[in-house]
């Protein structure tokens, strides 16, 4: 970061001003032909991927666990929101925000018992349980006629730039404030040494459950935005390949870093657009990227580091004092 940007990040009004400018720009993009439809879809996809990446980073990065079933929560949010806008509240003024909240809430509700079950175990068992959860959810949607079964659903295209930007900001703000809160320190303590954290009286189980449920909620929010953007969803849209894509974004940008989540989502989304001409060979490139990251940059580009823009004011004051 240049000295000018670093100084700007330390100003209390800089971040709210930047958010206001971003929201104004998203409104302008919606009502004026600044970009064509393809570019707007790519920008909204980047926003959805930022939400997915930041929410999974809370569990895999900040907490140090390993979940591979995030696409399952995304599918819950997508299908819940699609059912609401198609069957329950069609053509109502607030159908998009209500559908997003409903999708996120359903994902969080399902995530709670899964967290209670998962965190009775330790180590790599969370990866196995969340993988099984992903397969169960996918199979369930394939066999439930009410949501279209294997044919999928066709929700209306409602997602727009302002709402996508709004939920990106909400996601980053909530996760940032959680991580730098007293309870968030417990989440980080779990990553460093769970046994020592327990010995010091840290309520590690409660911290794990809270982090997992919040991660599930925002995974559902991303799924709801995705469903109302792509016009068509089916169970195959949320398989293990989708979870692999989210993992690649997290570990590409950097673990335990919100700025890394933004960077990873941007790089990955643009890369996928560039690789479209090679077709299904993209599915070879994705695992290869993940393998190379684990070998040469296991923490990612911004791993365990944060840009000043994403630090709370009190953290910046501590840095200034030091």
C-alpha atoms as a PDB file:
ATOM      1  CA  UNK A   1       0.000   0.000   0.000  1.00  0.00           C
ATOM      2  CA  UNK A   2       1.324   3.409  -0.902  1.00  0.00           C
ATOM      3  CA  UNK A   3       1.870   5.981   1.874  1.00  0.00           C
ATOM      4  CA  UNK A   4      -1.105   7.980   0.577  1.00  0.00           C
ATOM      5  CA  UNK A   5      -3.479   4.985   0.725  1.00  0.00           C
ATOM      6  CA  UNK A   6      -2.108   3.931   4.103  1.00  0.00           C
ATOM      7  CA  UNK A   7      -2.720   7.429   5.492  1.00  0.00           C
ATOM      8  CA  UNK A   8      -6.198   7.478   3.961  1.00  0.00           C
ATOM      9  CA  UNK A   9      -7.031   4.145   5.592  1.00  0.00           C
ATOM     10  CA  UNK A  10      -6.237   5.676   8.978  1.00  0.00           C
ATOM     11  CA  UNK A  11      -8.865   8.405   8.549  1.00  0.00           C
ATOM     12  CA  UNK A  12     -12.127   7.475  10.269  1.00  0.00           C
ATOM     13  CA  UNK A  13     -14.219   8.902   7.448  1.00  0.00           C
ATOM     14  CA  UNK A  14     -12.284   7.199   4.645  1.00  0.00           C
ATOM     15  CA  UNK A  15     -13.944   3.773   4.802  1.00  0.00           C
ATOM     16  CA  UNK A  16     -17.557   5.071   5.105  1.00  0.00           C
ATOM     17  CA  UNK A  17     -16.839   7.457   2.235  1.00  0.00           C
ATOM     18  CA  UNK A  18     -15.462   4.608   0.140  1.00  0.00           C
ATOM     19  CA  UNK A  19     -18.509   2.452   0.880  1.00  0.00           C
ATOM     20  CA  UNK A  20     -20.849   5.342  -0.006  1.00  0.00           C
ATOM     21  CA  UNK A  21     -19.011   5.891  -3.285  1.00  0.00           C
ATOM     22  CA  UNK A  22     -19.198   2.181  -4.053  1.00  0.00           C
ATOM     23  CA  UNK A  23     -22.915   2.102  -3.400  1.00  0.00           C
ATOM     24  CA  UNK A  24     -23.457   5.193  -5.548  1.00  0.00           C
ATOM     25  CA  UNK A  25     -21.441   3.583  -8.322  1.00  0.00           C
ATOM     26  CA  UNK A  26     -23.497   0.381  -8.085  1.00  0.00           C
ATOM     27  CA  UNK A  27     -26.694   2.428  -8.389  1.00  0.00           C
ATOM     28  CA  UNK A  28     -25.286   4.283 -11.387  1.00  0.00           C
ATOM     29  CA  UNK A  29     -24.397   0.980 -13.047  1.00  0.00           C
ATOM     30  CA  UNK A  30     -27.950  -0.217 -12.534  1.00  0.00           C
ATOM     31  CA  UNK A  31     -29.710   2.817 -13.981  1.00  0.00           C
ATOM     32  CA  UNK A  32     -27.216   4.034 -16.574  1.00  0.00           C
ATOM     33  CA  UNK A  33     -25.497   2.088 -19.396  1.00  0.00           C
ATOM     34  CA  UNK A  34     -22.009   2.306 -17.861  1.00  0.00           C
ATOM     35  CA  UNK A  35     -21.350  -1.405 -18.500  1.00  0.00           C
ATOM     36  CA  UNK A  36     -22.954  -3.947 -20.791  1.00  0.00           C
ATOM     37  CA  UNK A  37     -24.983  -6.832 -19.361  1.00  0.00           C
ATOM     38  CA  UNK A  38     -22.091  -9.296 -19.528  1.00  0.00           C
ATOM     39  CA  UNK A  39     -19.772  -7.025 -17.522  1.00  0.00           C
ATOM     40  CA  UNK A  40     -22.461  -6.431 -14.906  1.00  0.00           C
ATOM     41  CA  UNK A  41     -22.998 -10.177 -14.519  1.00  0.00           C
ATOM     42  CA  UNK A  42     -19.246 -10.672 -14.038  1.00  0.00           C
ATOM     43  CA  UNK A  43     -19.133  -7.891 -11.422  1.00  0.00           C
ATOM     44  CA  UNK A  44     -22.090  -9.373  -9.544  1.00  0.00           C
ATOM     45  CA  UNK A  45     -20.477 -12.812  -9.731  1.00  0.00           C
ATOM     46  CA  UNK A  46     -17.347 -11.325  -8.174  1.00  0.00           C
ATOM     47  CA  UNK A  47     -19.504  -9.934  -5.357  1.00  0.00           C
ATOM     48  CA  UNK A  48     -21.178 -13.310  -4.767  1.00  0.00           C
ATOM     49  CA  UNK A  49     -17.790 -15.026  -4.744  1.00  0.00           C
ATOM     50  CA  UNK A  50     -16.477 -12.499  -2.203  1.00  0.00           C
ATOM     51  CA  UNK A  51     -19.363 -13.418   0.115  1.00  0.00           C
ATOM     52  CA  UNK A  52     -18.675 -17.134  -0.360  1.00  0.00           C
ATOM     53  CA  UNK A  53     -14.938 -16.733   0.111  1.00  0.00           C
ATOM     54  CA  UNK A  54     -15.140 -14.501   3.205  1.00  0.00           C
ATOM     55  CA  UNK A  55     -17.752 -16.708   4.889  1.00  0.00           C
ATOM     56  CA  UNK A  56     -15.771 -19.916   4.346  1.00  0.00           C
ATOM     57  CA  UNK A  57     -12.575 -18.127   5.409  1.00  0.00           C
ATOM     58  CA  UNK A  58     -14.170 -17.598   8.821  1.00  0.00           C
ATOM     59  CA  UNK A  59     -14.153 -21.383   9.384  1.00  0.00           C
ATOM     60  CA  UNK A  60     -11.197 -22.562   7.312  1.00  0.00           C
ATOM     61  CA  UNK A  61      -8.953 -19.549   7.823  1.00  0.00           C
ATOM     62  CA  UNK A  62      -9.659 -17.773  11.090  1.00  0.00           C
ATOM     63  CA  UNK A  63     -10.785 -20.871  13.003  1.00  0.00           C
ATOM     64  CA  UNK A  64      -8.350 -23.280  11.380  1.00  0.00           C
ATOM     65  CA  UNK A  65     -10.877 -26.032  10.656  1.00  0.00           C
ATOM     66  CA  UNK A  66     -11.442 -27.580   7.228  1.00  0.00           C
ATOM     67  CA  UNK A  67     -14.951 -27.560   5.783  1.00  0.00           C
ATOM     68  CA  UNK A  68     -15.572 -28.763   2.236  1.00  0.00           C
ATOM     69  CA  UNK A  69     -19.367 -28.526   2.153  1.00  0.00           C
ATOM     70  CA  UNK A  70     -19.911 -24.794   1.662  1.00  0.00           C
ATOM     71  CA  UNK A  71     -21.698 -25.389  -1.633  1.00  0.00           C
ATOM     72  CA  UNK A  72     -24.336 -27.251   0.381  1.00  0.00           C
ATOM     73  CA  UNK A  73     -25.232 -24.099   2.310  1.00  0.00           C
ATOM     74  CA  UNK A  74     -25.128 -22.158  -0.934  1.00  0.00           C
ATOM     75  CA  UNK A  75     -27.657 -24.591  -2.436  1.00  0.00           C
ATOM     76  CA  UNK A  76     -29.944 -24.299   0.604  1.00  0.00           C
ATOM     77  CA  UNK A  77     -30.004 -20.520   0.226  1.00  0.00           C
ATOM     78  CA  UNK A  78     -30.514 -20.761  -3.521  1.00  0.00           C
ATOM     79  CA  UNK A  79     -33.428 -23.189  -3.362  1.00  0.00           C
ATOM     80  CA  UNK A  80     -35.081 -21.500  -0.363  1.00  0.00           C
ATOM     81  CA  UNK A  81     -34.998 -18.113  -2.092  1.00  0.00           C
ATOM     82  CA  UNK A  82     -36.198 -19.618  -5.376  1.00  0.00           C
ATOM     83  CA  UNK A  83     -39.181 -21.259  -3.665  1.00  0.00           C
ATOM     84  CA  UNK A  84     -40.077 -17.956  -2.020  1.00  0.00           C
ATOM     85  CA  UNK A  85     -39.993 -15.840  -5.176  1.00  0.00           C
ATOM     86  CA  UNK A  86     -41.674 -18.460  -7.387  1.00  0.00           C
ATOM     87  CA  UNK A  87     -44.277 -20.070  -5.128  1.00  0.00           C
ATOM     88  CA  UNK A  88     -44.843 -17.920  -2.045  1.00  0.00           C
ATOM     89  CA  UNK A  89     -44.230 -14.222  -2.757  1.00  0.00           C
ATOM     90  CA  UNK A  90     -44.192 -13.718  -6.515  1.00  0.00           C
ATOM     91  CA  UNK A  91     -44.038 -10.150  -7.827  1.00  0.00           C
ATOM     92  CA  UNK A  92     -43.962  -8.392  -4.466  1.00  0.00           C
ATOM     93  CA  UNK A  93     -41.902  -5.190  -3.958  1.00  0.00           C
ATOM     94  CA  UNK A  94     -39.612  -6.721  -1.319  1.00  0.00           C
ATOM     95  CA  UNK A  95     -39.295 -10.204  -2.797  1.00  0.00           C
ATOM     96  CA  UNK A  96     -35.520 -10.007  -3.368  1.00  0.00           C
ATOM     97  CA  UNK A  97     -34.421  -8.834   0.126  1.00  0.00           C
ATOM     98  CA  UNK A  98     -36.926 -11.180   1.782  1.00  0.00           C
ATOM     99  CA  UNK A  99     -35.732 -14.079  -0.360  1.00  0.00           C
ATOM    100  CA  UNK A 100     -32.086 -13.353   0.480  1.00  0.00           C
ATOM    101  CA  UNK A 101     -32.809 -13.206   4.220  1.00  0.00           C
ATOM    102  CA  UNK A 102     -34.898 -16.356   4.018  1.00  0.00           C
ATOM    103  CA  UNK A 103     -32.195 -18.212   2.109  1.00  0.00           C
ATOM    104  CA  UNK A 104     -29.517 -17.194   4.594  1.00  0.00           C
ATOM    105  CA  UNK A 105     -31.736 -18.086   7.559  1.00  0.00           C
ATOM    106  CA  UNK A 106     -32.520 -21.569   6.228  1.00  0.00           C
ATOM    107  CA  UNK A 107     -28.810 -22.224   5.680  1.00  0.00           C
ATOM    108  CA  UNK A 108     -28.016 -21.030   9.225  1.00  0.00           C
ATOM    109  CA  UNK A 109     -30.810 -23.147  10.748  1.00  0.00           C
ATOM    110  CA  UNK A 110     -29.515 -26.259   8.981  1.00  0.00           C
ATOM    111  CA  UNK A 111     -25.949 -25.294   9.862  1.00  0.00           C
ATOM    112  CA  UNK A 112     -26.668 -25.234  13.607  1.00  0.00           C
ATOM    113  CA  UNK A 113     -27.363 -28.969  14.129  1.00  0.00           C
ATOM    114  CA  UNK A 114     -24.574 -29.798  11.690  1.00  0.00           C
ATOM    115  CA  UNK A 115     -22.194 -27.730  13.829  1.00  0.00           C
ATOM    116  CA  UNK A 116     -23.428 -29.428  17.014  1.00  0.00           C
ATOM    117  CA  UNK A 117     -22.728 -32.830  15.460  1.00  0.00           C
ATOM    118  CA  UNK A 118     -19.468 -31.900  13.750  1.00  0.00           C
ATOM    119  CA  UNK A 119     -17.764 -30.300  16.724  1.00  0.00           C
ATOM    120  CA  UNK A 120     -18.234 -33.357  18.884  1.00  0.00           C
ATOM    121  CA  UNK A 121     -15.308 -34.612  16.829  1.00  0.00           C
ATOM    122  CA  UNK A 122     -11.893 -33.106  16.214  1.00  0.00           C
ATOM    123  CA  UNK A 123      -9.333 -32.963  13.451  1.00  0.00           C
ATOM    124  CA  UNK A 124     -10.184 -33.933   9.884  1.00  0.00           C
ATOM    125  CA  UNK A 125     -13.600 -35.327  10.734  1.00  0.00           C
ATOM    126  CA  UNK A 126     -15.228 -31.957   9.976  1.00  0.00           C
ATOM    127  CA  UNK A 127     -14.137 -32.315   6.335  1.00  0.00           C
ATOM    128  CA  UNK A 128     -15.694 -35.789   6.151  1.00  0.00           C
ATOM    129  CA  UNK A 129     -18.955 -34.690   7.796  1.00  0.00           C
ATOM    130  CA  UNK A 130     -19.357 -31.580   5.627  1.00  0.00           C
ATOM    131  CA  UNK A 131     -18.593 -33.596   2.481  1.00  0.00           C
ATOM    132  CA  UNK A 132     -21.292 -36.081   3.470  1.00  0.00           C
ATOM    133  CA  UNK A 133     -23.637 -33.150   4.176  1.00  0.00           C
ATOM    134  CA  UNK A 134     -23.020 -31.768   0.676  1.00  0.00           C
ATOM    135  CA  UNK A 135     -23.836 -35.128  -0.904  1.00  0.00           C
ATOM    136  CA  UNK A 136     -26.991 -35.509   1.213  1.00  0.00           C
ATOM    137  CA  UNK A 137     -28.282 -32.049   0.293  1.00  0.00           C
ATOM    138  CA  UNK A 138     -27.592 -32.603  -3.409  1.00  0.00           C
ATOM    139  CA  UNK A 139     -29.358 -35.967  -3.379  1.00  0.00           C
ATOM    140  CA  UNK A 140     -32.296 -34.513  -1.449  1.00  0.00           C
ATOM    141  CA  UNK A 141     -32.888 -31.765  -3.989  1.00  0.00           C
ATOM    142  CA  UNK A 142     -32.666 -34.310  -6.817  1.00  0.00           C
ATOM    143  CA  UNK A 143     -35.536 -36.260  -5.253  1.00  0.00           C
ATOM    144  CA  UNK A 144     -37.879 -33.510  -4.036  1.00  0.00           C
ATOM    145  CA  UNK A 145     -40.473 -32.799  -6.689  1.00  0.00           C
ATOM    146  CA  UNK A 146     -41.609 -29.570  -5.026  1.00  0.00           C
ATOM    147  CA  UNK A 147     -38.311 -27.922  -5.980  1.00  0.00           C
ATOM    148  CA  UNK A 148     -38.143 -29.440  -9.441  1.00  0.00           C
ATOM    149  CA  UNK A 149     -36.063 -32.516  -8.666  1.00  0.00           C
ATOM    150  CA  UNK A 150     -33.238 -33.073 -11.158  1.00  0.00           C
ATOM    151  CA  UNK A 151     -34.886 -30.599 -13.584  1.00  0.00           C
ATOM    152  CA  UNK A 152     -34.097 -27.707 -11.242  1.00  0.00           C
ATOM    153  CA  UNK A 153     -35.913 -24.380 -10.940  1.00  0.00           C
ATOM    154  CA  UNK A 154     -36.043 -21.171 -12.961  1.00  0.00           C
ATOM    155  CA  UNK A 155     -36.333 -18.208 -10.564  1.00  0.00           C
ATOM    156  CA  UNK A 156     -36.698 -14.726 -12.059  1.00  0.00           C
ATOM    157  CA  UNK A 157     -33.592 -12.603 -12.541  1.00  0.00           C
ATOM    158  CA  UNK A 158     -33.824 -10.192  -9.591  1.00  0.00           C
ATOM    159  CA  UNK A 159     -30.235  -9.794  -8.363  1.00  0.00           C
ATOM    160  CA  UNK A 160     -28.802  -6.388  -9.177  1.00  0.00           C
ATOM    161  CA  UNK A 161     -25.649  -4.393  -8.511  1.00  0.00           C
ATOM    162  CA  UNK A 162     -26.878  -2.372  -5.481  1.00  0.00           C
ATOM    163  CA  UNK A 163     -28.143  -5.405  -3.565  1.00  0.00           C
ATOM    164  CA  UNK A 164     -25.028  -7.406  -4.377  1.00  0.00           C
ATOM    165  CA  UNK A 165     -22.784  -4.574  -3.189  1.00  0.00           C
ATOM    166  CA  UNK A 166     -24.905  -4.150  -0.048  1.00  0.00           C
ATOM    167  CA  UNK A 167     -24.501  -7.803   0.952  1.00  0.00           C
ATOM    168  CA  UNK A 168     -20.783  -7.779   0.191  1.00  0.00           C
ATOM    169  CA  UNK A 169     -20.381  -4.852   2.597  1.00  0.00           C
ATOM    170  CA  UNK A 170     -22.593  -6.492   5.244  1.00  0.00           C
ATOM    171  CA  UNK A 171     -20.646  -9.758   5.004  1.00  0.00           C
ATOM    172  CA  UNK A 172     -17.235  -8.123   5.336  1.00  0.00           C
ATOM    173  CA  UNK A 173     -18.435  -5.802   8.113  1.00  0.00           C
ATOM    174  CA  UNK A 174     -19.997  -8.586  10.209  1.00  0.00           C
ATOM    175  CA  UNK A 175     -17.056 -10.960   9.843  1.00  0.00           C
ATOM    176  CA  UNK A 176     -14.506  -8.224  10.505  1.00  0.00           C
ATOM    177  CA  UNK A 177     -16.280  -7.088  13.671  1.00  0.00           C
ATOM    178  CA  UNK A 178     -16.687 -10.700  14.828  1.00  0.00           C
ATOM    179  CA  UNK A 179     -13.029 -11.550  14.263  1.00  0.00           C
ATOM    180  CA  UNK A 180     -11.801  -8.487  16.175  1.00  0.00           C
ATOM    181  CA  UNK A 181     -14.292  -8.910  19.009  1.00  0.00           C
ATOM    182  CA  UNK A 182     -13.636 -10.727  22.275  1.00  0.00           C
ATOM    183  CA  UNK A 183     -15.452 -13.764  20.949  1.00  0.00           C
ATOM    184  CA  UNK A 184     -13.453 -13.543  17.741  1.00  0.00           C
ATOM    185  CA  UNK A 185     -10.225 -13.833  19.705  1.00  0.00           C
ATOM    186  CA  UNK A 186     -11.536 -17.191  20.899  1.00  0.00           C
ATOM    187  CA  UNK A 187     -12.009 -18.262  17.270  1.00  0.00           C
ATOM    188  CA  UNK A 188      -8.400 -17.365  16.492  1.00  0.00           C
ATOM    189  CA  UNK A 189      -7.211 -19.096  19.676  1.00  0.00           C
ATOM    190  CA  UNK A 190      -8.767 -22.320  18.396  1.00  0.00           C
ATOM    191  CA  UNK A 191      -6.621 -22.100  15.269  1.00  0.00           C
ATOM    192  CA  UNK A 192      -3.436 -21.501  17.232  1.00  0.00           C
ATOM    193  CA  UNK A 193      -3.896 -24.166  19.908  1.00  0.00           C
ATOM    194  CA  UNK A 194      -7.322 -25.455  20.906  1.00  0.00           C
ATOM    195  CA  UNK A 195      -6.017 -27.452  23.873  1.00  0.00           C
ATOM    196  CA  UNK A 196      -4.256 -24.409  25.307  1.00  0.00           C
ATOM    197  CA  UNK A 197      -7.339 -22.266  24.674  1.00  0.00           C
ATOM    198  CA  UNK A 198      -9.503 -24.750  26.589  1.00  0.00           C
ATOM    199  CA  UNK A 199      -6.999 -24.776  29.438  1.00  0.00           C
ATOM    200  CA  UNK A 200      -7.210 -20.980  29.633  1.00  0.00           C
ATOM    201  CA  UNK A 201     -10.991 -21.102  29.951  1.00  0.00           C
ATOM    202  CA  UNK A 202     -11.875 -20.120  26.375  1.00  0.00           C
ATOM    203  CA  UNK A 203     -15.314 -21.406  25.382  1.00  0.00           C
ATOM    204  CA  UNK A 204     -14.065 -23.073  22.248  1.00  0.00           C
ATOM    205  CA  UNK A 205     -17.186 -25.111  21.489  1.00  0.00           C
ATOM    206  CA  UNK A 206     -19.450 -22.044  21.571  1.00  0.00           C
ATOM    207  CA  UNK A 207     -16.982 -20.125  19.398  1.00  0.00           C
ATOM    208  CA  UNK A 208     -16.888 -22.948  16.841  1.00  0.00           C
ATOM    209  CA  UNK A 209     -20.665 -23.178  16.644  1.00  0.00           C
ATOM    210  CA  UNK A 210     -21.121 -19.417  16.300  1.00  0.00           C
ATOM    211  CA  UNK A 211     -18.505 -19.153  13.550  1.00  0.00           C
ATOM    212  CA  UNK A 212     -19.984 -22.101  11.657  1.00  0.00           C
ATOM    213  CA  UNK A 213     -23.564 -20.772  11.827  1.00  0.00           C
ATOM    214  CA  UNK A 214     -22.509 -17.287  10.659  1.00  0.00           C
ATOM    215  CA  UNK A 215     -20.510 -18.851   7.846  1.00  0.00           C
ATOM    216  CA  UNK A 216     -23.548 -20.938   6.885  1.00  0.00           C
ATOM    217  CA  UNK A 217     -25.812 -17.871   6.885  1.00  0.00           C
ATOM    218  CA  UNK A 218     -23.664 -15.919   4.463  1.00  0.00           C
ATOM    219  CA  UNK A 219     -23.193 -19.023   2.315  1.00  0.00           C
ATOM    220  CA  UNK A 220     -26.979 -19.099   2.021  1.00  0.00           C
ATOM    221  CA  UNK A 221     -27.069 -15.376   1.211  1.00  0.00           C
ATOM    222  CA  UNK A 222     -24.591 -15.947  -1.617  1.00  0.00           C
ATOM    223  CA  UNK A 223     -26.711 -18.834  -2.869  1.00  0.00           C
ATOM    224  CA  UNK A 224     -29.840 -16.664  -2.899  1.00  0.00           C
ATOM    225  CA  UNK A 225     -28.066 -13.961  -4.910  1.00  0.00           C
ATOM    226  CA  UNK A 226     -26.705 -16.626  -7.263  1.00  0.00           C
ATOM    227  CA  UNK A 227     -30.147 -18.153  -7.843  1.00  0.00           C
ATOM    228  CA  UNK A 228     -31.728 -14.805  -8.748  1.00  0.00           C
ATOM    229  CA  UNK A 229     -28.819 -13.965 -11.063  1.00  0.00           C
ATOM    230  CA  UNK A 230     -28.446 -17.103 -13.194  1.00  0.00           C
ATOM    231  CA  UNK A 231     -32.137 -17.712 -13.969  1.00  0.00           C
ATOM    232  CA  UNK A 232     -31.675 -21.465 -13.585  1.00  0.00           C
ATOM    233  CA  UNK A 233     -30.481 -23.685 -10.731  1.00  0.00           C
ATOM    234  CA  UNK A 234     -30.300 -27.437 -10.394  1.00  0.00           C
ATOM    235  CA  UNK A 235     -28.613 -29.808  -7.902  1.00  0.00           C
ATOM    236  CA  UNK A 236     -25.578 -30.203 -10.180  1.00  0.00           C
ATOM    237  CA  UNK A 237     -24.875 -26.479  -9.790  1.00  0.00           C
ATOM    238  CA  UNK A 238     -23.831 -27.127  -6.163  1.00  0.00           C
ATOM    239  CA  UNK A 239     -21.690 -30.247  -6.294  1.00  0.00           C
ATOM    240  CA  UNK A 240     -18.168 -30.928  -5.057  1.00  0.00           C
ATOM    241  CA  UNK A 241     -16.765 -28.923  -7.983  1.00  0.00           C
ATOM    242  CA  UNK A 242     -18.481 -25.809  -6.653  1.00  0.00           C
ATOM    243  CA  UNK A 243     -17.050 -26.417  -3.186  1.00  0.00           C
ATOM    244  CA  UNK A 244     -13.622 -26.872  -4.763  1.00  0.00           C
ATOM    245  CA  UNK A 245     -13.980 -23.514  -6.503  1.00  0.00           C
ATOM    246  CA  UNK A 246     -14.723 -21.809  -3.175  1.00  0.00           C
ATOM    247  CA  UNK A 247     -11.757 -23.529  -1.539  1.00  0.00           C
ATOM    248  CA  UNK A 248      -9.482 -22.377  -4.356  1.00  0.00           C
ATOM    249  CA  UNK A 249     -10.630 -18.784  -3.835  1.00  0.00           C
ATOM    250  CA  UNK A 250     -10.011 -18.954  -0.085  1.00  0.00           C
ATOM    251  CA  UNK A 251      -6.526 -20.412  -0.324  1.00  0.00           C
ATOM    252  CA  UNK A 252      -5.571 -18.323  -3.335  1.00  0.00           C
ATOM    253  CA  UNK A 253      -6.405 -15.029  -1.640  1.00  0.00           C
ATOM    254  CA  UNK A 254      -5.083 -16.066   1.758  1.00  0.00           C
ATOM    255  CA  UNK A 255      -6.348 -17.685   4.934  1.00  0.00           C
ATOM    256  CA  UNK A 256      -7.526 -15.505   7.833  1.00  0.00           C
ATOM    257  CA  UNK A 257      -7.599 -12.400   5.653  1.00  0.00           C
ATOM    258  CA  UNK A 258     -10.677 -10.526   4.441  1.00  0.00           C
ATOM    259  CA  UNK A 259      -8.613  -8.547   1.970  1.00  0.00           C
ATOM    260  CA  UNK A 260      -7.285 -11.905   0.776  1.00  0.00           C
ATOM    261  CA  UNK A 261     -10.874 -13.120   0.320  1.00  0.00           C
ATOM    262  CA  UNK A 262     -11.636 -10.129  -1.883  1.00  0.00           C
ATOM    263  CA  UNK A 263      -8.426 -10.612  -3.851  1.00  0.00           C
ATOM    264  CA  UNK A 264      -8.955 -14.352  -4.272  1.00  0.00           C
ATOM    265  CA  UNK A 265     -12.545 -13.905  -5.465  1.00  0.00           C
ATOM    266  CA  UNK A 266     -11.560 -11.254  -7.997  1.00  0.00           C
ATOM    267  CA  UNK A 267      -8.604 -13.208  -9.399  1.00  0.00           C
ATOM    268  CA  UNK A 268     -10.538 -16.476  -9.564  1.00  0.00           C
ATOM    269  CA  UNK A 269     -13.644 -15.002 -11.234  1.00  0.00           C
ATOM    270  CA  UNK A 270     -11.622 -13.136 -13.857  1.00  0.00           C
ATOM    271  CA  UNK A 271      -9.473 -16.226 -14.465  1.00  0.00           C
ATOM    272  CA  UNK A 272     -12.566 -18.377 -15.037  1.00  0.00           C
ATOM    273  CA  UNK A 273     -13.823 -15.892 -17.622  1.00  0.00           C
ATOM    274  CA  UNK A 274     -10.459 -15.886 -19.377  1.00  0.00           C
ATOM    275  CA  UNK A 275     -10.372 -19.720 -19.416  1.00  0.00           C
ATOM    276  CA  UNK A 276     -13.884 -20.111 -20.839  1.00  0.00           C
ATOM    277  CA  UNK A 277     -12.589 -20.886 -24.366  1.00  0.00           C
ATOM    278  CA  UNK A 278     -10.913 -24.093 -23.117  1.00  0.00           C
ATOM    279  CA  UNK A 279     -14.259 -25.469 -21.907  1.00  0.00           C
ATOM    280  CA  UNK A 280     -14.168 -28.428 -19.527  1.00  0.00           C
ATOM    281  CA  UNK A 281     -10.389 -28.197 -19.248  1.00  0.00           C
ATOM    282  CA  UNK A 282     -11.087 -25.548 -16.630  1.00  0.00           C
ATOM    283  CA  UNK A 283     -11.946 -28.436 -14.318  1.00  0.00           C
ATOM    284  CA  UNK A 284      -8.355 -29.589 -14.712  1.00  0.00           C
ATOM    285  CA  UNK A 285      -6.951 -26.144 -14.031  1.00  0.00           C
ATOM    286  CA  UNK A 286      -8.911 -25.699 -10.772  1.00  0.00           C
ATOM    287  CA  UNK A 287      -7.511 -28.696  -8.851  1.00  0.00           C
ATOM    288  CA  UNK A 288      -4.065 -27.944 -10.263  1.00  0.00           C
ATOM    289  CA  UNK A 289      -4.200 -24.426  -8.829  1.00  0.00           C
ATOM    290  CA  UNK A 290      -5.225 -25.842  -5.442  1.00  0.00           C
ATOM    291  CA  UNK A 291      -2.368 -28.379  -5.467  1.00  0.00           C
ATOM    292  CA  UNK A 292       0.201 -25.724  -6.416  1.00  0.00           C
ATOM    293  CA  UNK A 293      -1.092 -23.433  -3.673  1.00  0.00           C
ATOM    294  CA  UNK A 294      -0.769 -26.148  -1.045  1.00  0.00           C
ATOM    295  CA  UNK A 295       2.788 -26.879  -2.183  1.00  0.00           C
ATOM    296  CA  UNK A 296       4.243 -23.415  -2.678  1.00  0.00           C
ATOM    297  CA  UNK A 297       1.940 -20.910  -0.943  1.00  0.00           C
ATOM    298  CA  UNK A 298      -0.157 -22.783   1.626  1.00  0.00           C
ATOM    299  CA  UNK A 299      -1.317 -19.577   3.313  1.00  0.00           C
ATOM    300  CA  UNK A 300      -2.215 -17.812   0.062  1.00  0.00           C
ATOM    301  CA  UNK A 301      -1.299 -14.363  -1.237  1.00  0.00           C
ATOM    302  CA  UNK A 302      -2.465 -12.412   1.826  1.00  0.00           C
ATOM    303  CA  UNK A 303      -2.373 -15.244   4.353  1.00  0.00           C
ATOM    304  CA  UNK A 304      -2.616 -14.017   7.989  1.00  0.00           C
ATOM    305  CA  UNK A 305      -2.201 -10.421   6.801  1.00  0.00           C
ATOM    306  CA  UNK A 306      -4.724  -7.633   6.408  1.00  0.00           C
ATOM    307  CA  UNK A 307      -4.820  -4.361   4.551  1.00  0.00           C
ATOM    308  CA  UNK A 308      -5.390  -1.317   6.735  1.00  0.00           C
ATOM    309  CA  UNK A 309      -8.755  -0.741   5.036  1.00  0.00           C
ATOM    310  CA  UNK A 310     -10.113  -3.883   6.718  1.00  0.00           C
ATOM    311  CA  UNK A 311      -8.839  -3.152  10.219  1.00  0.00           C
ATOM    312  CA  UNK A 312     -11.121  -1.625  12.878  1.00  0.00           C
ATOM    313  CA  UNK A 313     -10.250   1.855  14.086  1.00  0.00           C
ATOM    314  CA  UNK A 314      -8.984   0.628  17.438  1.00  0.00           C
ATOM    315  CA  UNK A 315      -6.564  -1.743  15.695  1.00  0.00           C
ATOM    316  CA  UNK A 316      -5.232   1.106  13.594  1.00  0.00           C
ATOM    317  CA  UNK A 317      -4.728   3.185  16.750  1.00  0.00           C
ATOM    318  CA  UNK A 318      -2.772   0.326  18.323  1.00  0.00           C
ATOM    319  CA  UNK A 319      -0.622   0.106  15.204  1.00  0.00           C
ATOM    320  CA  UNK A 320      -0.054   3.852  15.296  1.00  0.00           C
ATOM    321  CA  UNK A 321       0.900   3.680  18.968  1.00  0.00           C
ATOM    322  CA  UNK A 322       3.382   0.927  18.258  1.00  0.00           C
END
